[in-house]
Amino acid sequence: MVDRTDAGTTTITVGLIDDAYCAWFNAEAECEMALREWCSGTGDSRELAYLDYAAALDREEASARDLEQLWRAASDSDEVPVAQAQNVAD
């Protein structure tokens, strides 16, 4: 059973992972929209759309890396096992 301190730490960890997931999810959606704009663009607007897409892709990659690092840190921690984190109520 998780004691009060572990539950608090687990809740914080789950919150951080959830925030990182939401950041990645939003960055992925922005990346998809930028890709569509680039594919449908013409002339100068296509060149600008490519730059927007490249920047969105960089943000998506960075947010995915952050999410992965948080997940690995939580998975490797003896104090906050991921199995416990998955069972914390909102």
N, C-alpha and C. Protein backbone atom coordinates (compact mmCIF):
# COMPACT_ATOMS: atom_id res chain seq x y z
N MET A 1 0.83 -1.18 0.00
CA MET A 1 0.00 0.00 0.00
C MET A 1 0.88 1.25 0.00
N VAL A 2 0.41 2.29 -0.60
CA VAL A 2 1.15 3.54 -0.72
C VAL A 2 0.84 4.39 0.51
N ASP A 3 1.90 4.85 1.21
CA ASP A 3 1.63 5.73 2.34
C ASP A 3 1.41 7.16 1.84
N ARG A 4 1.06 8.06 2.76
CA ARG A 4 0.69 9.44 2.40
C ARG A 4 1.82 10.15 1.65
N THR A 5 3.06 9.99 2.08
CA THR A 5 4.19 10.65 1.43
C THR A 5 4.38 10.10 0.02
N ASP A 6 4.34 8.79 -0.12
CA ASP A 6 4.48 8.19 -1.44
C ASP A 6 3.34 8.62 -2.36
N ALA A 7 2.13 8.69 -1.81
CA ALA A 7 0.99 9.10 -2.63
C ALA A 7 1.16 10.53 -3.11
N GLY A 8 1.68 11.41 -2.25
CA GLY A 8 1.92 12.79 -2.66
C GLY A 8 2.97 12.89 -3.74
N THR A 9 4.05 12.15 -3.57
CA THR A 9 5.10 12.13 -4.57
C THR A 9 4.59 11.53 -5.87
N THR A 10 3.83 10.48 -5.75
CA THR A 10 3.25 9.84 -6.94
C THR A 10 2.32 10.80 -7.67
N THR A 11 1.51 11.53 -6.92
CA THR A 11 0.59 12.48 -7.53
C THR A 11 1.35 13.57 -8.29
N ILE A 12 2.43 14.06 -7.69
CA ILE A 12 3.26 15.07 -8.37
C ILE A 12 3.86 14.49 -9.64
N THR A 13 4.39 13.26 -9.53
CA THR A 13 4.99 12.62 -10.69
C THR A 13 3.97 12.41 -11.81
N VAL A 14 2.80 11.94 -11.45
CA VAL A 14 1.75 11.74 -12.45
C VAL A 14 1.37 13.07 -13.08
N GLY A 15 1.30 14.12 -12.26
CA GLY A 15 0.99 15.45 -12.79
C GLY A 15 2.03 15.93 -13.78
N LEU A 16 3.30 15.71 -13.47
CA LEU A 16 4.37 16.11 -14.38
C LEU A 16 4.31 15.32 -15.68
N ILE A 17 4.08 14.03 -15.58
CA ILE A 17 3.99 13.20 -16.78
C ILE A 17 2.77 13.60 -17.60
N ASP A 18 1.66 13.88 -16.93
CA ASP A 18 0.45 14.30 -17.64
C ASP A 18 0.67 15.63 -18.36
N ASP A 19 1.32 16.58 -17.69
CA ASP A 19 1.63 17.86 -18.33
C ASP A 19 2.54 17.67 -19.54
N ALA A 20 3.54 16.82 -19.40
CA ALA A 20 4.45 16.55 -20.51
C ALA A 20 3.72 15.88 -21.67
N TYR A 21 2.80 14.97 -21.34
CA TYR A 21 2.02 14.31 -22.39
C TYR A 21 1.15 15.33 -23.13
N CYS A 22 0.49 16.20 -22.38
CA CYS A 22 -0.36 17.23 -23.01
C CYS A 22 0.47 18.16 -23.89
N ALA A 23 1.67 18.52 -23.44
CA ALA A 23 2.55 19.37 -24.24
C ALA A 23 2.94 18.66 -25.53
N TRP A 24 3.28 17.38 -25.42
CA TRP A 24 3.62 16.61 -26.63
C TRP A 24 2.42 16.48 -27.56
N PHE A 25 1.25 16.19 -26.99
CA PHE A 25 0.04 16.01 -27.80
C PHE A 25 -0.27 17.28 -28.57
N ASN A 26 -0.18 18.43 -27.91
CA ASN A 26 -0.45 19.71 -28.58
C ASN A 26 0.61 20.02 -29.63
N ALA A 27 1.87 19.73 -29.33
CA ALA A 27 2.94 19.97 -30.29
C ALA A 27 2.77 19.08 -31.51
N GLU A 28 2.33 17.85 -31.30
CA GLU A 28 2.09 16.94 -32.43
C GLU A 28 0.96 17.46 -33.30
N ALA A 29 -0.10 17.96 -32.69
CA ALA A 29 -1.22 18.50 -33.45
C ALA A 29 -0.79 19.73 -34.26
N GLU A 30 0.01 20.61 -33.64
CA GLU A 30 0.52 21.78 -34.35
C GLU A 30 1.42 21.36 -35.51
N CYS A 31 2.19 20.33 -35.30
CA CYS A 31 3.08 19.82 -36.34
C CYS A 31 2.26 19.30 -37.53
N GLU A 32 1.19 18.59 -37.22
CA GLU A 32 0.33 18.07 -38.28
C GLU A 32 -0.31 19.21 -39.08
N MET A 33 -0.79 20.23 -38.38
CA MET A 33 -1.39 21.37 -39.08
C MET A 33 -0.36 22.10 -39.94
N ALA A 34 0.85 22.26 -39.42
CA ALA A 34 1.90 22.93 -40.18
C ALA A 34 2.28 22.11 -41.42
N LEU A 35 2.30 20.80 -41.29
CA LEU A 35 2.60 19.94 -42.43
C LEU A 35 1.53 20.10 -43.51
N ARG A 36 0.27 20.14 -43.10
CA ARG A 36 -0.81 20.32 -44.08
C ARG A 36 -0.69 21.66 -44.80
N GLU A 37 -0.35 22.71 -44.04
CA GLU A 37 -0.18 24.03 -44.64
C GLU A 37 0.97 24.03 -45.64
N TRP A 38 2.04 23.36 -45.29
CA TRP A 38 3.19 23.28 -46.19
C TRP A 38 2.81 22.53 -47.47
N CYS A 39 2.13 21.41 -47.32
CA CYS A 39 1.75 20.61 -48.48
C CYS A 39 0.77 21.33 -49.40
N SER A 40 -0.07 22.16 -48.82
CA SER A 40 -1.08 22.85 -49.64
C SER A 40 -0.62 24.24 -50.09
N GLY A 41 0.54 24.69 -49.62
CA GLY A 41 1.02 26.02 -49.96
C GLY A 41 1.57 26.10 -51.38
N THR A 42 1.68 27.33 -51.84
CA THR A 42 2.25 27.59 -53.17
C THR A 42 3.17 28.80 -53.08
N GLY A 43 4.15 28.84 -53.94
CA GLY A 43 5.05 29.99 -54.03
C GLY A 43 5.75 30.31 -52.72
N ASP A 44 5.80 31.63 -52.43
CA ASP A 44 6.47 32.09 -51.21
C ASP A 44 5.82 31.56 -49.94
N SER A 45 4.49 31.41 -49.99
CA SER A 45 3.80 30.92 -48.79
C SER A 45 4.23 29.49 -48.47
N ARG A 46 4.58 28.73 -49.49
CA ARG A 46 5.05 27.36 -49.27
C ARG A 46 6.39 27.35 -48.55
N GLU A 47 7.27 28.28 -48.92
CA GLU A 47 8.57 28.36 -48.26
C GLU A 47 8.40 28.73 -46.79
N LEU A 48 7.55 29.70 -46.50
CA LEU A 48 7.28 30.08 -45.11
C LEU A 48 6.60 28.94 -44.36
N ALA A 49 5.71 28.24 -45.03
CA ALA A 49 5.03 27.11 -44.40
C ALA A 49 6.02 26.00 -44.05
N TYR A 50 7.03 25.82 -44.89
CA TYR A 50 8.06 24.83 -44.58
C TYR A 50 8.81 25.21 -43.30
N LEU A 51 9.16 26.50 -43.19
CA LEU A 51 9.87 26.96 -41.99
C LEU A 51 9.00 26.78 -40.75
N ASP A 52 7.70 27.05 -40.87
CA ASP A 52 6.77 26.83 -39.76
C ASP A 52 6.72 25.34 -39.40
N TYR A 53 6.69 24.50 -40.41
CA TYR A 53 6.65 23.05 -40.17
C TYR A 53 7.93 22.59 -39.48
N ALA A 54 9.08 23.05 -39.96
CA ALA A 54 10.35 22.64 -39.36
C ALA A 54 10.41 23.05 -37.88
N ALA A 55 9.94 24.25 -37.57
CA ALA A 55 9.92 24.71 -36.18
C ALA A 55 8.95 23.87 -35.35
N ALA A 56 7.78 23.57 -35.91
CA ALA A 56 6.79 22.74 -35.20
C ALA A 56 7.34 21.34 -34.97
N LEU A 57 8.05 20.82 -35.92
CA LEU A 57 8.66 19.49 -35.78
C LEU A 57 9.71 19.49 -34.68
N ASP A 58 10.50 20.55 -34.60
CA ASP A 58 11.49 20.67 -33.53
C ASP A 58 10.81 20.70 -32.16
N ARG A 59 9.70 21.46 -32.05
CA ARG A 59 8.97 21.52 -30.78
C ARG A 59 8.37 20.16 -30.41
N GLU A 60 7.84 19.46 -31.41
CA GLU A 60 7.26 18.14 -31.15
C GLU A 60 8.33 17.17 -30.68
N GLU A 61 9.48 17.20 -31.33
CA GLU A 61 10.58 16.32 -30.94
C GLU A 61 11.06 16.62 -29.52
N ALA A 62 11.19 17.90 -29.20
CA ALA A 62 11.65 18.28 -27.86
C ALA A 62 10.64 17.86 -26.79
N SER A 63 9.37 18.03 -27.07
CA SER A 63 8.36 17.64 -26.09
C SER A 63 8.29 16.13 -25.94
N ALA A 64 8.50 15.40 -27.01
CA ALA A 64 8.53 13.93 -26.93
C ALA A 64 9.72 13.48 -26.10
N ARG A 65 10.85 14.13 -26.28
CA ARG A 65 12.05 13.80 -25.50
C ARG A 65 11.82 14.07 -24.01
N ASP A 66 11.18 15.21 -23.70
CA ASP A 66 10.87 15.53 -22.30
C ASP A 66 9.96 14.48 -21.68
N LEU A 67 8.92 14.10 -22.43
CA LEU A 67 7.99 13.08 -21.94
C LEU A 67 8.71 11.76 -21.69
N GLU A 68 9.56 11.36 -22.61
CA GLU A 68 10.31 10.12 -22.45
C GLU A 68 11.21 10.17 -21.22
N GLN A 69 11.89 11.28 -21.01
CA GLN A 69 12.78 11.40 -19.86
C GLN A 69 12.01 11.32 -18.55
N LEU A 70 10.87 11.99 -18.47
CA LEU A 70 10.06 11.91 -17.25
C LEU A 70 9.55 10.49 -17.02
N TRP A 71 9.11 9.85 -18.07
CA TRP A 71 8.59 8.48 -17.94
C TRP A 71 9.69 7.53 -17.47
N ARG A 72 10.87 7.66 -18.05
CA ARG A 72 11.99 6.79 -17.64
C ARG A 72 12.39 7.07 -16.20
N ALA A 73 12.42 8.34 -15.81
CA ALA A 73 12.78 8.68 -14.43
C ALA A 73 11.77 8.08 -13.46
N ALA A 74 10.49 8.16 -13.80
CA ALA A 74 9.46 7.58 -12.94
C ALA A 74 9.54 6.06 -12.93
N SER A 75 9.85 5.47 -14.06
CA SER A 75 9.94 4.02 -14.15
C SER A 75 11.14 3.48 -13.38
N ASP A 76 12.23 4.24 -13.36
CA ASP A 76 13.46 3.80 -12.70
C ASP A 76 13.47 4.09 -11.21
N SER A 77 12.55 4.93 -10.74
CA SER A 77 12.55 5.34 -9.34
C SER A 77 12.01 4.25 -8.43
N ASP A 78 12.72 4.01 -7.32
CA ASP A 78 12.23 3.07 -6.32
C ASP A 78 11.12 3.70 -5.49
N GLU A 79 11.12 5.03 -5.42
CA GLU A 79 10.14 5.72 -4.59
C GLU A 79 8.78 5.85 -5.27
N VAL A 80 8.78 5.98 -6.57
CA VAL A 80 7.54 6.21 -7.30
C VAL A 80 7.43 5.26 -8.48
N PRO A 81 7.12 4.01 -8.22
CA PRO A 81 6.95 3.07 -9.33
C PRO A 81 5.81 3.49 -10.24
N VAL A 82 5.98 3.25 -11.51
CA VAL A 82 4.96 3.62 -12.48
C VAL A 82 3.65 2.91 -12.18
N ALA A 83 3.72 1.67 -11.71
CA ALA A 83 2.50 0.94 -11.38
C ALA A 83 1.69 1.69 -10.32
N GLN A 84 2.37 2.28 -9.34
CA GLN A 84 1.66 3.08 -8.34
C GLN A 84 1.12 4.35 -8.97
N ALA A 85 1.89 4.97 -9.83
CA ALA A 85 1.47 6.21 -10.47
C ALA A 85 0.20 6.01 -11.29
N GLN A 86 0.08 4.86 -11.89
CA GLN A 86 -1.09 4.58 -12.72
C GLN A 86 -2.33 4.37 -11.89
N ASN A 87 -2.20 4.13 -10.59
CA ASN A 87 -3.34 3.87 -9.73
C ASN A 87 -3.76 5.07 -8.90
N VAL A 88 -3.13 6.21 -9.07
CA VAL A 88 -3.48 7.39 -8.28
C VAL A 88 -4.74 8.01 -8.85
N ALA A 89 -5.70 8.26 -7.98
CA ALA A 89 -6.94 8.91 -8.42
C ALA A 89 -6.70 10.39 -8.63
N ASP A 90 -7.43 10.97 -9.58
CA ASP A 90 -7.29 12.42 -9.84
C ASP A 90 -7.78 13.22 -8.68
